[in-house]
Amino acid sequence: MRLAKIEAIIDALRSERYRWSPTRRVHIEKKGSAKKRRGLGLPTWSEKLLQEVMRLLLEAYYEPQFSDHSHGFRPGRGCHTALQKIYPGWRGTTWFVEGDIKACFDSLDHSVLRSILAERIHDNRFLRLIDGLLRSGYLEQWRYHATLSGSPQGGVISPILSNIYLDRLDKYIETNLLPAYNRGARRKSNRPYMRLWQRAFRLEEQGELEAGRTLRKQMKTMPSRDPSDPGYRRLNYCRYADDWLLGFTGPKREAEEIKAEIGRFLHDELRLELSEEKTVITHGRTQAARFLGYEIVTFETRTRYFRASLLVSERSITYFNRPRRWRLNASW
């Protein structure tokens, strides 16, 4: 590193003579799979330096505009902030929709990304510089390959570009899905529960305490609120890079509709595809959803035990690296 080298880069940029060189590509094994390998691009020193400057400019402008539901590759955010958003805010979740975008970094459409950047950035020299970076190609075993789509993983600027691209998904879910699937202040009372409560109350007024106690024990086996109330829905959303999780309270049919709507938006607007193997719908009370290496489930608990379980969960997040199982408390 020399000042003369940096001045040469500045001079080439000022006169638009700077040319990106193809990145060297290496493959590493994916965690948990010996057969699948992930391709990483290794840029040169000067290109890392220039990408870092471009990243700082893009981050300073786009970071305040990003969605609060996004946690990946952002300053002051990470896996723990994403998990703390889920717990304790997603209590009572019935269905989890685990989302994964198929080969996200390798599938970013250059024309879509250029149009997204051009909406806010009117410096054509900067846009042409990004175009040259995306289309510079890569070398693998000393053979040149063109890059017709995607932003190479391993590059300094790739995470911020992917966040700018996927911010469209965040905005779509915030403006279309969340308002449509969040309604009702609370569930209606469960009629069988209320009938038992009235009978137990009358029996206790008449002095039949033992019969009233029996009915109250029976009441504890059923919910006080109607679980299938059509006027009550809750939908929550969290994204980390290309992995996202939805928590839905309602029927499975509507959870499948939400998954299909997101798949259509990604295909039509962003030209991306959902991974069918990894995008699944799991029942929160009988199965565990996998997100950021954690297993997230919903379980019923009594109020007097709630405080203890909350403290254990917070302690495990704060002091331990990764607890084996992580639970959400269902609302009463």
Protein backbone atom coordinates (compact mmCIF):
# COMPACT_ATOMS: atom_id res chain seq x y z
CA MET A 1 0.00 0.00 0.00
CA ARG A 2 1.38 3.38 -1.10
CA LEU A 3 -0.15 6.82 -1.46
CA ALA A 4 0.98 6.86 -5.06
CA LYS A 5 -1.09 3.73 -5.73
CA ILE A 6 -4.18 5.30 -4.16
CA GLU A 7 -3.66 8.50 -6.17
CA ALA A 8 -3.41 6.42 -9.35
CA ILE A 9 -6.78 4.80 -8.54
CA ILE A 10 -8.34 8.24 -7.93
CA ASP A 11 -6.94 9.56 -11.19
CA ALA A 12 -8.28 6.57 -13.14
CA LEU A 13 -11.71 7.01 -11.55
CA ARG A 14 -11.79 10.73 -12.30
CA SER A 15 -11.10 10.14 -15.98
CA GLU A 16 -13.24 6.93 -16.09
CA ARG A 17 -10.27 4.81 -17.11
CA TYR A 18 -10.60 2.37 -14.19
CA ARG A 19 -11.29 -1.21 -15.25
CA TRP A 20 -12.31 -4.01 -12.90
CA SER A 21 -10.31 -7.21 -13.21
CA PRO A 22 -11.98 -10.63 -13.04
CA THR A 23 -12.12 -11.98 -9.49
CA ARG A 24 -10.49 -15.27 -8.58
CA ARG A 25 -13.14 -17.80 -7.58
CA VAL A 26 -12.63 -20.52 -4.97
CA HIS A 27 -15.12 -23.05 -3.62
CA ILE A 28 -15.71 -23.90 0.02
CA GLU A 29 -17.93 -26.60 1.49
CA LYS A 30 -21.32 -25.55 2.79
CA LYS A 31 -21.95 -26.22 6.46
CA GLY A 32 -23.83 -29.48 6.96
CA SER A 33 -23.34 -30.66 3.37
CA ALA A 34 -20.18 -32.29 2.08
CA LYS A 35 -21.45 -32.40 -1.53
CA LYS A 36 -22.62 -28.78 -1.95
CA ARG A 37 -19.98 -26.09 -2.31
CA ARG A 38 -20.21 -22.32 -2.18
CA GLY A 39 -18.32 -20.14 -4.69
CA LEU A 40 -16.46 -17.13 -3.29
CA GLY A 41 -14.87 -14.33 -5.30
CA LEU A 42 -11.51 -12.99 -4.09
CA PRO A 43 -10.89 -9.45 -5.41
CA THR A 44 -7.49 -7.80 -5.54
CA TRP A 45 -6.28 -5.33 -2.90
CA SER A 46 -7.03 -2.20 -4.93
CA GLU A 47 -10.52 -3.45 -5.76
CA LYS A 48 -11.22 -4.24 -2.10
CA LEU A 49 -10.21 -0.69 -1.23
CA LEU A 50 -12.45 0.82 -3.91
CA GLN A 51 -15.36 -1.46 -2.98
CA GLU A 52 -15.05 -0.39 0.66
CA VAL A 53 -15.32 3.29 -0.32
CA MET A 54 -18.38 2.52 -2.46
CA ARG A 55 -19.90 0.51 0.38
CA LEU A 56 -19.47 3.42 2.80
CA LEU A 57 -21.24 5.77 0.37
CA LEU A 58 -24.14 3.37 -0.25
CA GLU A 59 -24.51 2.51 3.44
CA ALA A 60 -24.60 6.18 4.50
CA TYR A 61 -27.46 6.84 2.07
CA TYR A 62 -29.51 3.63 2.18
CA GLU A 63 -29.11 2.53 5.82
CA PRO A 64 -31.67 5.04 7.24
CA GLN A 65 -34.17 3.91 4.59
CA PHE A 66 -33.91 0.16 5.19
CA SER A 67 -36.75 -1.72 6.85
CA ASP A 68 -36.69 -2.36 10.59
CA HIS A 69 -37.42 -6.03 9.80
CA SER A 70 -34.01 -6.50 8.13
CA HIS A 71 -31.06 -7.56 10.32
CA GLY A 72 -28.38 -9.02 8.05
CA PHE A 73 -25.14 -7.14 7.21
CA ARG A 74 -26.22 -3.93 8.94
CA PRO A 75 -24.37 -1.87 11.58
CA GLY A 76 -25.63 -2.50 15.10
CA ARG A 77 -27.70 -5.50 13.97
CA GLY A 78 -27.10 -9.21 13.66
CA CYS A 79 -28.43 -12.65 14.53
CA HIS A 80 -29.20 -11.75 18.15
CA THR A 81 -31.22 -8.65 17.25
CA ALA A 82 -33.25 -10.76 14.80
CA LEU A 83 -33.94 -13.38 17.48
CA GLN A 84 -34.80 -10.73 20.07
CA LYS A 85 -37.33 -9.32 17.59
CA ILE A 86 -38.98 -12.75 17.43
CA TYR A 87 -38.96 -13.38 21.18
CA PRO A 88 -40.94 -12.23 23.07
CA GLY A 89 -42.89 -10.35 20.39
CA TRP A 90 -44.22 -13.37 18.48
CA ARG A 91 -46.11 -15.08 21.31
CA GLY A 92 -49.04 -17.25 20.30
CA THR A 93 -47.78 -17.93 16.77
CA THR A 94 -49.54 -20.87 15.08
CA TRP A 95 -47.62 -21.28 11.81
CA PHE A 96 -44.04 -20.48 10.86
CA VAL A 97 -43.19 -19.90 7.19
CA GLU A 98 -39.46 -20.49 6.75
CA GLY A 99 -38.25 -18.76 3.60
CA ASP A 100 -35.04 -19.18 1.64
CA ILE A 101 -34.19 -17.62 -1.73
CA LYS A 102 -32.53 -20.02 -4.15
CA ALA A 103 -28.91 -18.99 -4.90
CA CYS A 104 -29.72 -15.41 -3.93
CA PHE A 105 -26.30 -13.79 -4.40
CA ASP A 106 -25.74 -15.58 -7.72
CA SER A 107 -29.23 -14.74 -9.05
CA LEU A 108 -29.48 -10.98 -8.53
CA ASP A 109 -30.66 -9.56 -11.84
CA HIS A 110 -28.33 -6.79 -13.03
CA SER A 111 -31.04 -4.82 -14.85
CA VAL A 112 -33.36 -4.90 -11.80
CA LEU A 113 -30.53 -3.86 -9.49
CA ARG A 114 -29.53 -1.05 -11.85
CA SER A 115 -33.12 0.25 -11.98
CA ILE A 116 -33.39 0.17 -8.17
CA LEU A 117 -30.15 2.12 -7.78
CA ALA A 118 -31.07 4.59 -10.54
CA GLU A 119 -34.28 5.55 -8.73
CA ARG A 120 -32.30 7.32 -5.99
CA ILE A 121 -28.77 7.75 -7.42
CA HIS A 122 -28.49 10.18 -10.34
CA ASP A 123 -24.70 10.01 -10.73
CA ASN A 124 -24.27 8.04 -13.95
CA ARG A 125 -20.51 7.71 -13.46
CA PHE A 126 -21.12 5.91 -10.15
CA LEU A 127 -23.75 3.68 -11.74
CA ARG A 128 -21.41 2.79 -14.62
CA LEU A 129 -18.75 1.91 -12.05
CA ILE A 130 -21.14 -0.55 -10.36
CA ASP A 131 -22.12 -1.97 -13.76
CA GLY A 132 -18.47 -2.64 -14.55
CA LEU A 133 -18.02 -4.39 -11.22
CA LEU A 134 -21.03 -6.67 -11.70
CA ARG A 135 -20.02 -7.64 -15.25
CA SER A 136 -16.28 -8.03 -14.68
CA GLY A 137 -16.48 -11.85 -14.65
CA TYR A 138 -14.36 -14.32 -12.70
CA LEU A 139 -11.45 -16.70 -13.17
CA GLU A 140 -11.76 -20.34 -12.20
CA GLN A 141 -8.81 -22.63 -12.85
CA TRP A 142 -7.35 -19.85 -15.02
CA ARG A 143 -10.37 -19.80 -17.32
CA TYR A 144 -12.50 -16.66 -17.74
CA HIS A 145 -16.26 -16.82 -17.11
CA ALA A 146 -18.69 -13.98 -17.73
CA THR A 147 -21.09 -12.90 -14.96
CA LEU A 148 -24.52 -12.38 -16.49
CA SER A 149 -26.24 -12.13 -13.13
CA GLY A 150 -25.46 -12.01 -9.43
CA SER A 151 -23.04 -10.22 -7.16
CA PRO A 152 -20.02 -12.35 -6.16
CA GLN A 153 -19.98 -13.57 -2.58
CA GLY A 154 -16.75 -12.58 -0.90
CA GLY A 155 -16.81 -9.06 -2.32
CA VAL A 156 -16.90 -6.12 0.09
CA ILE A 157 -19.85 -4.43 -1.60
CA SER A 158 -22.00 -7.54 -2.19
CA PRO A 159 -23.85 -7.49 1.19
CA ILE A 160 -25.05 -3.88 0.83
CA LEU A 161 -26.11 -4.52 -2.78
CA SER A 162 -28.14 -7.57 -1.72
CA ASN A 163 -29.82 -5.53 1.05
CA ILE A 164 -30.72 -2.79 -1.43
CA TYR A 165 -32.15 -5.44 -3.75
CA LEU A 166 -34.12 -7.34 -1.07
CA ASP A 167 -35.39 -4.16 0.55
CA ARG A 168 -38.07 -4.32 -2.16
CA LEU A 169 -39.26 -7.58 -0.59
CA ASP A 170 -39.33 -5.96 2.87
CA LYS A 171 -41.36 -3.02 1.59
CA TYR A 172 -43.81 -5.32 -0.23
CA ILE A 173 -44.48 -7.36 2.91
CA GLU A 174 -44.77 -4.21 5.06
CA THR A 175 -47.20 -2.40 2.75
CA ASN A 176 -49.26 -5.33 1.42
CA LEU A 177 -49.15 -8.44 3.59
CA LEU A 178 -48.78 -7.10 7.14
CA PRO A 179 -51.77 -4.70 6.93
CA ALA A 180 -53.91 -7.37 5.26
CA TYR A 181 -53.16 -10.12 7.80
CA ASN A 182 -53.11 -8.09 11.03
CA ARG A 183 -56.60 -7.39 12.32
CA GLY A 184 -58.58 -7.59 15.53
CA ALA A 185 -57.55 -6.31 18.95
CA ARG A 186 -58.07 -9.70 20.62
CA ARG A 187 -59.86 -12.99 20.02
CA LYS A 188 -63.52 -13.45 20.88
CA SER A 189 -64.39 -15.37 24.03
CA ASN A 190 -64.65 -19.13 23.63
CA ARG A 191 -68.35 -19.96 24.09
CA PRO A 192 -67.90 -23.46 25.62
CA TYR A 193 -65.44 -21.96 28.11
CA MET A 194 -67.82 -19.13 29.03
CA ARG A 195 -70.73 -21.57 29.48
CA LEU A 196 -68.66 -23.65 31.90
CA TRP A 197 -67.64 -20.49 33.74
CA GLN A 198 -71.28 -19.39 34.16
CA ARG A 199 -72.33 -22.84 35.39
CA ALA A 200 -69.45 -22.97 37.86
CA PHE A 201 -70.33 -19.48 39.13
CA ARG A 202 -73.99 -20.39 39.67
CA LEU A 203 -73.08 -23.64 41.44
CA GLU A 204 -70.71 -21.83 43.77
CA GLU A 205 -73.40 -19.24 44.56
CA GLN A 206 -75.75 -22.09 45.47
CA GLY A 207 -73.15 -23.57 47.81
CA GLU A 208 -72.16 -26.55 45.64
CA LEU A 209 -68.44 -25.81 45.89
CA GLU A 210 -67.23 -29.28 44.92
CA ALA A 211 -69.24 -29.30 41.68
CA GLY A 212 -68.01 -25.80 40.88
CA ARG A 213 -64.41 -26.87 41.50
CA THR A 214 -64.84 -29.79 39.09
CA LEU A 215 -66.08 -27.48 36.34
CA ARG A 216 -63.20 -25.09 36.90
CA LYS A 217 -60.72 -27.95 36.48
CA GLN A 218 -62.45 -28.77 33.21
CA MET A 219 -62.15 -25.11 32.15
CA LYS A 220 -58.37 -25.31 32.48
CA THR A 221 -58.23 -27.88 29.67
CA MET A 222 -59.67 -25.49 27.05
CA PRO A 223 -58.71 -22.00 25.82
CA SER A 224 -60.61 -19.00 27.15
CA ARG A 225 -60.46 -17.33 23.71
CA ASP A 226 -61.69 -18.74 20.40
CA PRO A 227 -58.59 -20.13 18.55
CA SER A 228 -60.40 -20.01 15.18
CA ASP A 229 -61.82 -16.49 15.47
CA PRO A 230 -62.05 -15.23 11.82
CA GLY A 231 -61.79 -11.62 12.97
CA TYR A 232 -58.38 -12.08 14.58
CA ARG A 233 -55.12 -12.49 12.63
CA ARG A 234 -51.46 -11.80 13.38
CA LEU A 235 -48.53 -11.79 10.94
CA ASN A 236 -44.91 -11.04 11.85
CA TYR A 237 -41.85 -10.86 9.61
CA CYS A 238 -38.08 -11.00 10.09
CA ARG A 239 -35.27 -11.24 7.51
CA TYR A 240 -31.55 -11.93 7.79
CA ALA A 241 -29.79 -11.68 4.40
CA ASP A 242 -31.60 -14.16 2.10
CA ASP A 243 -33.22 -16.11 4.97
CA TRP A 244 -36.57 -14.87 6.27
CA LEU A 245 -39.19 -16.06 8.71
CA LEU A 246 -42.90 -15.30 8.98
CA GLY A 247 -44.97 -16.01 12.08
CA PHE A 248 -48.70 -16.31 11.35
CA THR A 249 -51.67 -16.76 13.67
CA GLY A 250 -54.56 -18.10 11.63
CA PRO A 251 -55.53 -21.09 9.44
CA LYS A 252 -52.94 -23.00 7.41
CA ARG A 253 -54.77 -22.19 4.19
CA GLU A 254 -53.99 -18.50 4.62
CA ALA A 255 -50.36 -19.29 5.52
CA GLU A 256 -50.05 -21.13 2.19
CA GLU A 257 -51.58 -18.10 0.42
CA ILE A 258 -48.97 -15.82 2.01
CA LYS A 259 -46.17 -18.11 0.88
CA ALA A 260 -47.56 -18.19 -2.67
CA GLU A 261 -47.91 -14.38 -2.80
CA ILE A 262 -44.29 -13.89 -1.76
CA GLY A 263 -43.17 -16.45 -4.34
CA ARG A 264 -45.07 -14.61 -7.08
CA PHE A 265 -43.63 -11.24 -6.06
CA LEU A 266 -40.06 -12.57 -6.06
CA HIS A 267 -40.55 -14.18 -9.47
CA ASP A 268 -42.37 -11.32 -11.18
CA GLU A 269 -40.72 -8.24 -9.65
CA LEU A 270 -37.24 -9.34 -8.51
CA ARG A 271 -36.69 -12.35 -10.84
CA LEU A 272 -35.75 -14.61 -7.94
CA GLU A 273 -36.99 -18.07 -7.00
CA LEU A 274 -37.88 -19.56 -3.64
CA SER A 275 -36.05 -22.72 -2.67
CA GLU A 276 -38.80 -25.35 -2.50
CA GLU A 277 -36.71 -27.57 -0.23
CA LYS A 278 -36.04 -24.88 2.37
CA THR A 279 -39.26 -22.83 2.15
CA VAL A 280 -41.63 -24.81 4.37
CA ILE A 281 -44.62 -24.19 6.64
CA THR A 282 -44.33 -25.67 10.14
CA HIS A 283 -46.87 -25.87 12.92
CA GLY A 284 -45.51 -23.91 15.85
CA ARG A 285 -46.84 -26.17 18.63
CA THR A 286 -45.86 -29.53 17.15
CA GLN A 287 -42.76 -28.78 15.03
CA ALA A 288 -39.68 -26.58 15.33
CA ALA A 289 -38.88 -23.87 12.78
CA ARG A 290 -35.19 -23.48 11.90
CA PHE A 291 -33.91 -19.90 11.71
CA LEU A 292 -30.30 -18.74 12.10
CA GLY A 293 -29.29 -22.06 13.64
CA TYR A 294 -32.03 -22.00 16.31
CA GLU A 295 -35.11 -24.14 16.76
CA ILE A 296 -38.15 -21.95 17.44
CA VAL A 297 -41.38 -23.46 18.77
CA THR A 298 -44.50 -22.24 20.58
CA PHE A 299 -45.62 -23.85 23.81
CA GLU A 300 -48.47 -23.28 26.26
CA THR A 301 -47.54 -22.15 29.74
CA ARG A 302 -49.25 -20.87 32.84
CA THR A 303 -48.75 -17.30 33.96
CA ARG A 304 -46.93 -18.21 37.15
CA TYR A 305 -44.30 -20.10 35.14
CA PHE A 306 -43.94 -17.45 32.45
CA ARG A 307 -41.49 -15.19 34.27
CA ALA A 308 -39.05 -18.04 34.97
CA SER A 309 -39.06 -19.24 31.35
CA LEU A 310 -38.50 -15.69 30.12
CA LEU A 311 -35.43 -15.26 32.32
CA VAL A 312 -33.92 -18.58 31.22
CA SER A 313 -34.36 -17.70 27.54
CA GLU A 314 -32.83 -14.25 27.94
CA ARG A 315 -29.93 -15.65 29.94
CA SER A 316 -29.21 -18.27 27.28
CA ILE A 317 -29.14 -15.60 24.56
CA THR A 318 -26.91 -13.26 26.53
CA TYR A 319 -24.34 -15.59 28.03
CA PHE A 320 -24.27 -18.70 25.85
CA ASN A 321 -23.40 -18.99 22.20
CA ARG A 322 -26.25 -21.10 20.82
CA PRO A 323 -28.81 -22.89 22.99
CA ARG A 324 -30.02 -26.14 21.53
CA ARG A 325 -33.70 -25.23 21.66
CA TRP A 326 -35.45 -21.90 21.87
CA ARG A 327 -39.13 -21.50 22.69
CA LEU A 328 -41.84 -18.90 22.25
CA ASN A 329 -44.54 -18.52 24.90
CA ALA A 330 -48.13 -18.65 23.68
CA SER A 331 -50.46 -15.86 24.80
CA TRP A 332 -53.42 -16.70 27.05
